[in-house]
Amino acid sequence: LEWGRLESIPESAEDFKLTKHGSMFTRTFRASFHAPPADIEEWLQRSPGTREAIVTNPLPGLRRFEIKPGGGAGFAEVKVDDITNLVFIHVYWS
């Protein structure tokens, strides 16, 4: 959350998954969750990273938030699938 400058995941989130990869030189975290659309929107607005992000629509129903990372991370993004209400978080440091 610090690397993506994100607020805490909504309490209504379901199916939360988190994976980490890397070595002593790199670290990658990927997380995902489902939540009601209104809760996703509120979370996006409360999070400085997504609020200040560059937003693109690479596919219909998909929003990509290119975030200026925090905490020394080199990359941070959030993708929101507005059709399935699935949120993907991807951050890394190297």
PDB file of N, CA and C in Angstrom:
ATOM      1  N   LEU A   1       0.822  -1.196   0.000  1.00  0.00           N
ATOM      2  CA  LEU A   1       0.000   0.000   0.000  1.00  0.00           C
ATOM      3  C   LEU A   1       0.859   1.250   0.000  1.00  0.00           C
ATOM      4  N   GLU A   2       1.970   1.206   0.730  1.00  0.00           N
ATOM      5  CA  GLU A   2       2.862   2.370   0.771  1.00  0.00           C
ATOM      6  C   GLU A   2       3.472   2.637  -0.604  1.00  0.00           C
ATOM      7  N   TRP A   3       3.898   1.597  -1.282  1.00  0.00           N
ATOM      8  CA  TRP A   3       4.535   1.769  -2.592  1.00  0.00           C
ATOM      9  C   TRP A   3       3.575   2.313  -3.632  1.00  0.00           C
ATOM     10  N   GLY A   4       2.294   1.976  -3.522  1.00  0.00           N
ATOM     11  CA  GLY A   4       1.296   2.483  -4.453  1.00  0.00           C
ATOM     12  C   GLY A   4       0.600   3.740  -3.962  1.00  0.00           C
ATOM     13  N   ARG A   5       0.984   4.178  -2.755  1.00  0.00           N
ATOM     14  CA  ARG A   5       0.335   5.335  -2.137  1.00  0.00           C
ATOM     15  C   ARG A   5      -1.177   5.120  -2.103  1.00  0.00           C
ATOM     16  N   LEU A   6      -1.556   3.936  -1.568  1.00  0.00           N
ATOM     17  CA  LEU A   6      -2.950   3.514  -1.545  1.00  0.00           C
ATOM     18  C   LEU A   6      -3.470   3.440  -0.117  1.00  0.00           C
ATOM     19  N   GLU A   7      -4.743   3.730   0.031  1.00  0.00           N
ATOM     20  CA  GLU A   7      -5.413   3.576   1.322  1.00  0.00           C
ATOM     21  C   GLU A   7      -5.668   2.092   1.581  1.00  0.00           C
ATOM     22  N   SER A   8      -6.098   1.774   2.784  1.00  0.00           N
ATOM     23  CA  SER A   8      -6.438   0.393   3.129  1.00  0.00           C
ATOM     24  C   SER A   8      -7.511  -0.139   2.190  1.00  0.00           C
ATOM     25  N   ILE A   9      -7.427  -1.415   1.898  1.00  0.00           N
ATOM     26  CA  ILE A   9      -8.388  -2.083   1.022  1.00  0.00           C
ATOM     27  C   ILE A   9      -9.786  -1.937   1.644  1.00  0.00           C
ATOM     28  N   PRO A  10     -10.819  -1.718   0.820  1.00  0.00           N
ATOM     29  CA  PRO A  10     -12.176  -1.567   1.373  1.00  0.00           C
ATOM     30  C   PRO A  10     -12.586  -2.774   2.231  1.00  0.00           C
ATOM     31  N   GLU A  11     -13.317  -2.499   3.295  1.00  0.00           N
ATOM     32  CA  GLU A  11     -13.785  -3.578   4.170  1.00  0.00           C
ATOM     33  C   GLU A  11     -14.681  -4.565   3.431  1.00  0.00           C
ATOM     34  N   SER A  12     -15.340  -4.099   2.378  1.00  0.00           N
ATOM     35  CA  SER A  12     -16.235  -4.964   1.619  1.00  0.00           C
ATOM     36  C   SER A  12     -15.502  -5.863   0.638  1.00  0.00           C
ATOM     37  N   ALA A  13     -14.174  -5.739   0.543  1.00  0.00           N
ATOM     38  CA  ALA A  13     -13.394  -6.522  -0.423  1.00  0.00           C
ATOM     39  C   ALA A  13     -13.537  -8.020  -0.165  1.00  0.00           C
ATOM     40  N   GLU A  14     -13.641  -8.762  -1.247  1.00  0.00           N
ATOM     41  CA  GLU A  14     -13.728 -10.229  -1.184  1.00  0.00           C
ATOM     42  C   GLU A  14     -12.671 -10.819  -2.099  1.00  0.00           C
ATOM     43  N   ASP A  15     -12.357 -12.085  -1.865  1.00  0.00           N
ATOM     44  CA  ASP A  15     -11.394 -12.826  -2.703  1.00  0.00           C
ATOM     45  C   ASP A  15     -10.043 -12.117  -2.778  1.00  0.00           C
ATOM     46  N   PHE A  16      -9.603 -11.532  -1.675  1.00  0.00           N
ATOM     47  CA  PHE A  16      -8.308 -10.840  -1.658  1.00  0.00           C
ATOM     48  C   PHE A  16      -7.194 -11.855  -1.848  1.00  0.00           C
ATOM     49  N   LYS A  17      -6.298 -11.555  -2.785  1.00  0.00           N
ATOM     50  CA  LYS A  17      -5.139 -12.410  -3.051  1.00  0.00           C
ATOM     51  C   LYS A  17      -3.902 -11.533  -3.085  1.00  0.00           C
ATOM     52  N   LEU A  18      -2.794 -12.059  -2.574  1.00  0.00           N
ATOM     53  CA  LEU A  18      -1.532 -11.336  -2.570  1.00  0.00           C
ATOM     54  C   LEU A  18      -0.412 -12.325  -2.870  1.00  0.00           C
ATOM     55  N   THR A  19       0.430 -11.966  -3.836  1.00  0.00           N
ATOM     56  CA  THR A  19       1.617 -12.769  -4.126  1.00  0.00           C
ATOM     57  C   THR A  19       2.829 -11.856  -4.092  1.00  0.00           C
ATOM     58  N   LYS A  20       3.959 -12.434  -3.729  1.00  0.00           N
ATOM     59  CA  LYS A  20       5.201 -11.675  -3.756  1.00  0.00           C
ATOM     60  C   LYS A  20       6.246 -12.495  -4.482  1.00  0.00           C
ATOM     61  N   HIS A  21       7.120 -11.800  -5.187  1.00  0.00           N
ATOM     62  CA  HIS A  21       8.181 -12.429  -5.951  1.00  0.00           C
ATOM     63  C   HIS A  21       9.432 -11.595  -5.774  1.00  0.00           C
ATOM     64  N   GLY A  22      10.576 -12.187  -6.051  1.00  0.00           N
ATOM     65  CA  GLY A  22      11.807 -11.419  -6.043  1.00  0.00           C
ATOM     66  C   GLY A  22      12.926 -12.113  -5.322  1.00  0.00           C
ATOM     67  N   SER A  23      13.970 -11.349  -5.107  1.00  0.00           N
ATOM     68  CA  SER A  23      15.175 -11.835  -4.454  1.00  0.00           C
ATOM     69  C   SER A  23      15.684 -10.724  -3.535  1.00  0.00           C
ATOM     70  N   MET A  24      16.938 -10.831  -3.136  1.00  0.00           N
ATOM     71  CA  MET A  24      17.487  -9.781  -2.285  1.00  0.00           C
ATOM     72  C   MET A  24      17.695  -8.477  -3.055  1.00  0.00           C
ATOM     73  N   PHE A  25      17.579  -8.529  -4.401  1.00  0.00           N
ATOM     74  CA  PHE A  25      17.770  -7.341  -5.227  1.00  0.00           C
ATOM     75  C   PHE A  25      16.479  -6.758  -5.783  1.00  0.00           C
ATOM     76  N   THR A  26      15.403  -7.512  -5.731  1.00  0.00           N
ATOM     77  CA  THR A  26      14.119  -7.053  -6.262  1.00  0.00           C
ATOM     78  C   THR A  26      12.991  -7.540  -5.374  1.00  0.00           C
ATOM     79  N   ARG A  27      11.858  -6.869  -5.473  1.00  0.00           N
ATOM     80  CA  ARG A  27      10.659  -7.323  -4.765  1.00  0.00           C
ATOM     81  C   ARG A  27       9.452  -6.852  -5.557  1.00  0.00           C
ATOM     82  N   THR A  28       8.555  -7.782  -5.847  1.00  0.00           N
ATOM     83  CA  THR A  28       7.324  -7.485  -6.568  1.00  0.00           C
ATOM     84  C   THR A  28       6.143  -7.979  -5.756  1.00  0.00           C
ATOM     85  N   PHE A  29       5.107  -7.152  -5.660  1.00  0.00           N
ATOM     86  CA  PHE A  29       3.860  -7.553  -5.025  1.00  0.00           C
ATOM     87  C   PHE A  29       2.727  -7.380  -6.028  1.00  0.00           C
ATOM     88  N   ARG A  30       1.859  -8.377  -6.097  1.00  0.00           N
ATOM     89  CA  ARG A  30       0.644  -8.312  -6.903  1.00  0.00           C
ATOM     90  C   ARG A  30      -0.517  -8.695  -5.994  1.00  0.00           C
ATOM     91  N   ALA A  31      -1.545  -7.881  -6.033  1.00  0.00           N
ATOM     92  CA  ALA A  31      -2.730  -8.146  -5.207  1.00  0.00           C
ATOM     93  C   ALA A  31      -3.970  -7.942  -6.062  1.00  0.00           C
ATOM     94  N   SER A  32      -5.053  -8.594  -5.656  1.00  0.00           N
ATOM     95  CA  SER A  32      -6.329  -8.401  -6.339  1.00  0.00           C
ATOM     96  C   SER A  32      -7.466  -8.617  -5.349  1.00  0.00           C
ATOM     97  N   PHE A  33      -8.601  -7.996  -5.667  1.00  0.00           N
ATOM     98  CA  PHE A  33      -9.796  -8.186  -4.845  1.00  0.00           C
ATOM     99  C   PHE A  33     -11.027  -7.752  -5.640  1.00  0.00           C
ATOM    100  N   HIS A  34     -12.178  -8.255  -5.231  1.00  0.00           N
ATOM    101  CA  HIS A  34     -13.479  -7.822  -5.754  1.00  0.00           C
ATOM    102  C   HIS A  34     -14.127  -6.929  -4.697  1.00  0.00           C
ATOM    103  N   ALA A  35     -14.881  -5.944  -5.143  1.00  0.00           N
ATOM    104  CA  ALA A  35     -15.643  -5.095  -4.221  1.00  0.00           C
ATOM    105  C   ALA A  35     -16.783  -4.445  -4.998  1.00  0.00           C
ATOM    106  N   PRO A  36     -17.806  -3.976  -4.308  1.00  0.00           N
ATOM    107  CA  PRO A  36     -18.887  -3.253  -4.985  1.00  0.00           C
ATOM    108  C   PRO A  36     -18.329  -2.000  -5.680  1.00  0.00           C
ATOM    109  N   PRO A  37     -18.907  -1.646  -6.825  1.00  0.00           N
ATOM    110  CA  PRO A  37     -18.399  -0.487  -7.586  1.00  0.00           C
ATOM    111  C   PRO A  37     -18.278   0.795  -6.774  1.00  0.00           C
ATOM    112  N   ALA A  38     -19.261   1.098  -5.936  1.00  0.00           N
ATOM    113  CA  ALA A  38     -19.199   2.336  -5.146  1.00  0.00           C
ATOM    114  C   ALA A  38     -18.023   2.316  -4.172  1.00  0.00           C
ATOM    115  N   ASP A  39     -17.728   1.151  -3.594  1.00  0.00           N
ATOM    116  CA  ASP A  39     -16.615   1.040  -2.663  1.00  0.00           C
ATOM    117  C   ASP A  39     -15.267   1.163  -3.381  1.00  0.00           C
ATOM    118  N   ILE A  40     -15.194   0.619  -4.600  1.00  0.00           N
ATOM    119  CA  ILE A  40     -13.974   0.769  -5.399  1.00  0.00           C
ATOM    120  C   ILE A  40     -13.743   2.246  -5.704  1.00  0.00           C
ATOM    121  N   GLU A  41     -14.795   2.946  -6.125  1.00  0.00           N
ATOM    122  CA  GLU A  41     -14.657   4.369  -6.463  1.00  0.00           C
ATOM    123  C   GLU A  41     -14.239   5.195  -5.257  1.00  0.00           C
ATOM    124  N   GLU A  42     -14.827   4.913  -4.104  1.00  0.00           N
ATOM    125  CA  GLU A  42     -14.463   5.641  -2.888  1.00  0.00           C
ATOM    126  C   GLU A  42     -12.993   5.390  -2.539  1.00  0.00           C
ATOM    127  N   TRP A  43     -12.546   4.133  -2.649  1.00  0.00           N
ATOM    128  CA  TRP A  43     -11.160   3.780  -2.369  1.00  0.00           C
ATOM    129  C   TRP A  43     -10.205   4.496  -3.332  1.00  0.00           C
ATOM    130  N   LEU A  44     -10.566   4.536  -4.614  1.00  0.00           N
ATOM    131  CA  LEU A  44      -9.736   5.225  -5.605  1.00  0.00           C
ATOM    132  C   LEU A  44      -9.613   6.711  -5.276  1.00  0.00           C
ATOM    133  N   GLN A  45     -10.698   7.329  -4.826  1.00  0.00           N
ATOM    134  CA  GLN A  45     -10.680   8.753  -4.492  1.00  0.00           C
ATOM    135  C   GLN A  45      -9.918   9.047  -3.200  1.00  0.00           C
ATOM    136  N   ARG A  46      -9.951   8.117  -2.248  1.00  0.00           N
ATOM    137  CA  ARG A  46      -9.234   8.309  -0.978  1.00  0.00           C
ATOM    138  C   ARG A  46      -7.730   8.084  -1.120  1.00  0.00           C
ATOM    139  N   SER A  47      -7.316   7.318  -2.123  1.00  0.00           N
ATOM    140  CA  SER A  47      -5.906   6.948  -2.292  1.00  0.00           C
ATOM    141  C   SER A  47      -5.156   8.014  -3.085  1.00  0.00           C
ATOM    142  N   PRO A  48      -4.129   8.625  -2.487  1.00  0.00           N
ATOM    143  CA  PRO A  48      -3.373   9.649  -3.212  1.00  0.00           C
ATOM    144  C   PRO A  48      -2.773   9.126  -4.517  1.00  0.00           C
ATOM    145  N   GLY A  49      -2.317   7.883  -4.515  1.00  0.00           N
ATOM    146  CA  GLY A  49      -1.700   7.330  -5.716  1.00  0.00           C
ATOM    147  C   GLY A  49      -2.632   7.297  -6.905  1.00  0.00           C
ATOM    148  N   THR A  50      -3.856   6.821  -6.720  1.00  0.00           N
ATOM    149  CA  THR A  50      -4.803   6.748  -7.835  1.00  0.00           C
ATOM    150  C   THR A  50      -5.438   8.104  -8.118  1.00  0.00           C
ATOM    151  N   ARG A  51      -5.617   8.903  -7.083  1.00  0.00           N
ATOM    152  CA  ARG A  51      -6.203  10.229  -7.276  1.00  0.00           C
ATOM    153  C   ARG A  51      -5.319  11.100  -8.165  1.00  0.00           C
ATOM    154  N   GLU A  52      -3.999  10.947  -8.048  1.00  0.00           N
ATOM    155  CA  GLU A  52      -3.046  11.752  -8.804  1.00  0.00           C
ATOM    156  C   GLU A  52      -2.478  11.019 -10.021  1.00  0.00           C
ATOM    157  N   ALA A  53      -3.001   9.849 -10.327  1.00  0.00           N
ATOM    158  CA  ALA A  53      -2.444   8.997 -11.379  1.00  0.00           C
ATOM    159  C   ALA A  53      -2.826   9.462 -12.787  1.00  0.00           C
ATOM    160  N   ILE A  54      -2.062   8.962 -13.743  1.00  0.00           N
ATOM    161  CA  ILE A  54      -2.427   9.073 -15.156  1.00  0.00           C
ATOM    162  C   ILE A  54      -3.339   7.888 -15.442  1.00  0.00           C
ATOM    163  N   VAL A  55      -4.545   8.162 -15.917  1.00  0.00           N
ATOM    164  CA  VAL A  55      -5.530   7.106 -16.145  1.00  0.00           C
ATOM    165  C   VAL A  55      -5.708   6.882 -17.643  1.00  0.00           C
ATOM    166  N   THR A  56      -5.628   5.610 -18.052  1.00  0.00           N
ATOM    167  CA  THR A  56      -5.873   5.230 -19.440  1.00  0.00           C
ATOM    168  C   THR A  56      -6.912   4.125 -19.469  1.00  0.00           C
ATOM    169  N   ASN A  57      -7.462   3.896 -20.646  1.00  0.00           N
ATOM    170  CA  ASN A  57      -8.441   2.837 -20.854  1.00  0.00           C
ATOM    171  C   ASN A  57      -7.921   1.909 -21.954  1.00  0.00           C
ATOM    172  N   PRO A  58      -7.035   0.943 -21.599  1.00  0.00           N
ATOM    173  CA  PRO A  58      -6.435   0.091 -22.620  1.00  0.00           C
ATOM    174  C   PRO A  58      -7.433  -0.837 -23.322  1.00  0.00           C
ATOM    175  N   LEU A  59      -8.528  -1.163 -22.654  1.00  0.00           N
ATOM    176  CA  LEU A  59      -9.588  -2.006 -23.210  1.00  0.00           C
ATOM    177  C   LEU A  59     -10.930  -1.493 -22.714  1.00  0.00           C
ATOM    178  N   PRO A  60     -12.005  -1.768 -23.439  1.00  0.00           N
ATOM    179  CA  PRO A  60     -13.325  -1.368 -22.937  1.00  0.00           C
ATOM    180  C   PRO A  60     -13.590  -1.986 -21.553  1.00  0.00           C
ATOM    181  N   GLY A  61     -14.020  -1.166 -20.619  1.00  0.00           N
ATOM    182  CA  GLY A  61     -14.324  -1.639 -19.275  1.00  0.00           C
ATOM    183  C   GLY A  61     -13.124  -1.775 -18.362  1.00  0.00           C
ATOM    184  N   LEU A  62     -11.938  -1.410 -18.843  1.00  0.00           N
ATOM    185  CA  LEU A  62     -10.721  -1.520 -18.036  1.00  0.00           C
ATOM    186  C   LEU A  62     -10.067  -0.153 -17.885  1.00  0.00           C
ATOM    187  N   ARG A  63      -9.793   0.214 -16.621  1.00  0.00           N
ATOM    188  CA  ARG A  63      -9.071   1.454 -16.349  1.00  0.00           C
ATOM    189  C   ARG A  63      -7.709   1.105 -15.760  1.00  0.00           C
ATOM    190  N   ARG A  64      -6.684   1.794 -16.247  1.00  0.00           N
ATOM    191  CA  ARG A  64      -5.320   1.596 -15.739  1.00  0.00           C
ATOM    192  C   ARG A  64      -4.837   2.906 -15.133  1.00  0.00           C
ATOM    193  N   PHE A  65      -4.404   2.835 -13.858  1.00  0.00           N
ATOM    194  CA  PHE A  65      -3.900   3.989 -13.135  1.00  0.00           C
ATOM    195  C   PHE A  65      -2.383   3.864 -13.030  1.00  0.00           C
ATOM    196  N   GLU A  66      -1.659   4.717 -13.743  1.00  0.00           N
ATOM    197  CA  GLU A  66      -0.198   4.742 -13.677  1.00  0.00           C
ATOM    198  C   GLU A  66       0.179   5.674 -12.535  1.00  0.00           C
ATOM    199  N   ILE A  67       0.709   5.096 -11.468  1.00  0.00           N
ATOM    200  CA  ILE A  67       0.923   5.798 -10.206  1.00  0.00           C
ATOM    201  C   ILE A  67       2.378   6.199 -10.030  1.00  0.00           C
ATOM    202  N   LYS A  68       2.582   7.413  -9.503  1.00  0.00           N
ATOM    203  CA  LYS A  68       3.919   7.803  -9.068  1.00  0.00           C
ATOM    204  C   LYS A  68       4.154   7.058  -7.754  1.00  0.00           C
ATOM    205  N   PRO A  69       5.089   6.082  -7.746  1.00  0.00           N
ATOM    206  CA  PRO A  69       5.243   5.228  -6.566  1.00  0.00           C
ATOM    207  C   PRO A  69       5.805   5.965  -5.352  1.00  0.00           C
ATOM    208  N   GLY A  70       5.561   5.390  -4.200  1.00  0.00           N
ATOM    209  CA  GLY A  70       6.077   5.915  -2.950  1.00  0.00           C
ATOM    210  C   GLY A  70       6.980   4.903  -2.269  1.00  0.00           C
ATOM    211  N   GLY A  71       7.579   5.280  -1.167  1.00  0.00           N
ATOM    212  CA  GLY A  71       8.370   4.367  -0.349  1.00  0.00           C
ATOM    213  C   GLY A  71       9.578   3.769  -1.033  1.00  0.00           C
ATOM    214  N   GLY A  72      10.099   4.419  -2.057  1.00  0.00           N
ATOM    215  CA  GLY A  72      11.278   3.913  -2.741  1.00  0.00           C
ATOM    216  C   GLY A  72      10.999   2.911  -3.847  1.00  0.00           C
ATOM    217  N   ALA A  73       9.749   2.639  -4.135  1.00  0.00           N
ATOM    218  CA  ALA A  73       9.405   1.692  -5.200  1.00  0.00           C
ATOM    219  C   ALA A  73       9.736   2.289  -6.564  1.00  0.00           C
ATOM    220  N   GLY A  74       9.916   1.420  -7.545  1.00  0.00           N
ATOM    221  CA  GLY A  74      10.218   1.863  -8.891  1.00  0.00           C
ATOM    222  C   GLY A  74       9.027   1.867  -9.813  1.00  0.00           C
ATOM    223  N   PHE A  75       7.943   1.196  -9.415  1.00  0.00           N
ATOM    224  CA  PHE A  75       6.780   1.065 -10.294  1.00  0.00           C
ATOM    225  C   PHE A  75       5.544   0.807  -9.442  1.00  0.00           C
ATOM    226  N   ALA A  76       4.413   1.388  -9.853  1.00  0.00           N
ATOM    227  CA  ALA A  76       3.138   1.122  -9.184  1.00  0.00           C
ATOM    228  C   ALA A  76       2.001   1.363 -10.173  1.00  0.00           C
ATOM    229  N   GLU A  77       1.051   0.430 -10.191  1.00  0.00           N
ATOM    230  CA  GLU A  77      -0.140   0.617 -11.016  1.00  0.00           C
ATOM    231  C   GLU A  77      -1.323  -0.101 -10.380  1.00  0.00           C
ATOM    232  N   VAL A  78      -2.496   0.404 -10.697  1.00  0.00           N
ATOM    233  CA  VAL A  78      -3.754  -0.231 -10.318  1.00  0.00           C
ATOM    234  C   VAL A  78      -4.571  -0.359 -11.589  1.00  0.00           C
ATOM    235  N   LYS A  79      -5.176  -1.527 -11.776  1.00  0.00           N
ATOM    236  CA  LYS A  79      -6.106  -1.732 -12.884  1.00  0.00           C
ATOM    237  C   LYS A  79      -7.455  -2.093 -12.290  1.00  0.00           C
ATOM    238  N   VAL A  80      -8.502  -1.512 -12.854  1.00  0.00           N
ATOM    239  CA  VAL A  80      -9.858  -1.789 -12.389  1.00  0.00           C
ATOM    240  C   VAL A  80     -10.666  -2.306 -13.571  1.00  0.00           C
ATOM    241  N   ASP A  81     -11.192  -3.518 -13.415  1.00  0.00           N
ATOM    242  CA  ASP A  81     -12.098  -4.088 -14.408  1.00  0.00           C
ATOM    243  C   ASP A  81     -13.505  -3.701 -13.978  1.00  0.00           C
ATOM    244  N   ASP A  82     -14.093  -2.738 -14.672  1.00  0.00           N
ATOM    245  CA  ASP A  82     -15.413  -2.234 -14.300  1.00  0.00           C
ATOM    246  C   ASP A  82     -16.538  -3.192 -14.655  1.00  0.00           C
ATOM    247  N   ILE A  83     -16.255  -4.227 -15.410  1.00  0.00           N
ATOM    248  CA  ILE A  83     -17.278  -5.220 -15.757  1.00  0.00           C
ATOM    249  C   ILE A  83     -17.415  -6.248 -14.636  1.00  0.00           C
ATOM    250  N   THR A  84     -16.266  -6.713 -14.105  1.00  0.00           N
ATOM    251  CA  THR A  84     -16.293  -7.739 -13.056  1.00  0.00           C
ATOM    252  C   THR A  84     -16.064  -7.175 -11.657  1.00  0.00           C
ATOM    253  N   ASN A  85     -15.781  -5.852 -11.563  1.00  0.00           N
ATOM    254  CA  ASN A  85     -15.484  -5.201 -10.279  1.00  0.00           C
ATOM    255  C   ASN A  85     -14.272  -5.824  -9.598  1.00  0.00           C
ATOM    256  N   LEU A  86     -13.269  -6.131 -10.413  1.00  0.00           N
ATOM    257  CA  LEU A  86     -12.024  -6.712  -9.928  1.00  0.00           C
ATOM    258  C   LEU A  86     -10.931  -5.657  -9.990  1.00  0.00           C
ATOM    259  N   VAL A  87     -10.181  -5.533  -8.906  1.00  0.00           N
ATOM    260  CA  VAL A  87      -9.083  -4.568  -8.804  1.00  0.00           C
ATOM    261  C   VAL A  87      -7.768  -5.338  -8.752  1.00  0.00           C
ATOM    262  N   PHE A  88      -6.794  -4.908  -9.562  1.00  0.00           N
ATOM    263  CA  PHE A  88      -5.454  -5.491  -9.579  1.00  0.00           C
ATOM    264  C   PHE A  88      -4.464  -4.419  -9.125  1.00  0.00           C
ATOM    265  N   ILE A  89      -3.558  -4.773  -8.239  1.00  0.00           N
ATOM    266  CA  ILE A  89      -2.505  -3.866  -7.787  1.00  0.00           C
ATOM    267  C   ILE A  89      -1.166  -4.514  -8.116  1.00  0.00           C
ATOM    268  N   HIS A  90      -0.241  -3.755  -8.709  1.00  0.00           N
ATOM    269  CA  HIS A  90       1.082  -4.269  -9.053  1.00  0.00           C
ATOM    270  C   HIS A  90       2.108  -3.213  -8.691  1.00  0.00           C
ATOM    271  N   VAL A  91       3.043  -3.571  -7.816  1.00  0.00           N
ATOM    272  CA  VAL A  91       4.125  -2.666  -7.416  1.00  0.00           C
ATOM    273  C   VAL A  91       5.434  -3.448  -7.374  1.00  0.00           C
ATOM    274  N   TYR A  92       6.542  -2.739  -7.645  1.00  0.00           N
ATOM    275  CA  TYR A  92       7.840  -3.406  -7.461  1.00  0.00           C
ATOM    276  C   TYR A  92       8.941  -2.421  -7.115  1.00  0.00           C
ATOM    277  N   TRP A  93       9.985  -2.986  -6.561  1.00  0.00           N
ATOM    278  CA  TRP A  93      11.195  -2.260  -6.202  1.00  0.00           C
ATOM    279  C   TRP A  93      12.374  -3.077  -6.705  1.00  0.00           C
ATOM    280  N   SER A  94      13.395  -2.412  -7.220  1.00  0.00           N
ATOM    281  CA  SER A  94      14.626  -3.121  -7.609  1.00  0.00           C
ATOM    282  C   SER A  94      15.815  -2.202  -7.477  1.00  0.00           C
TER     283      SER A  94
END
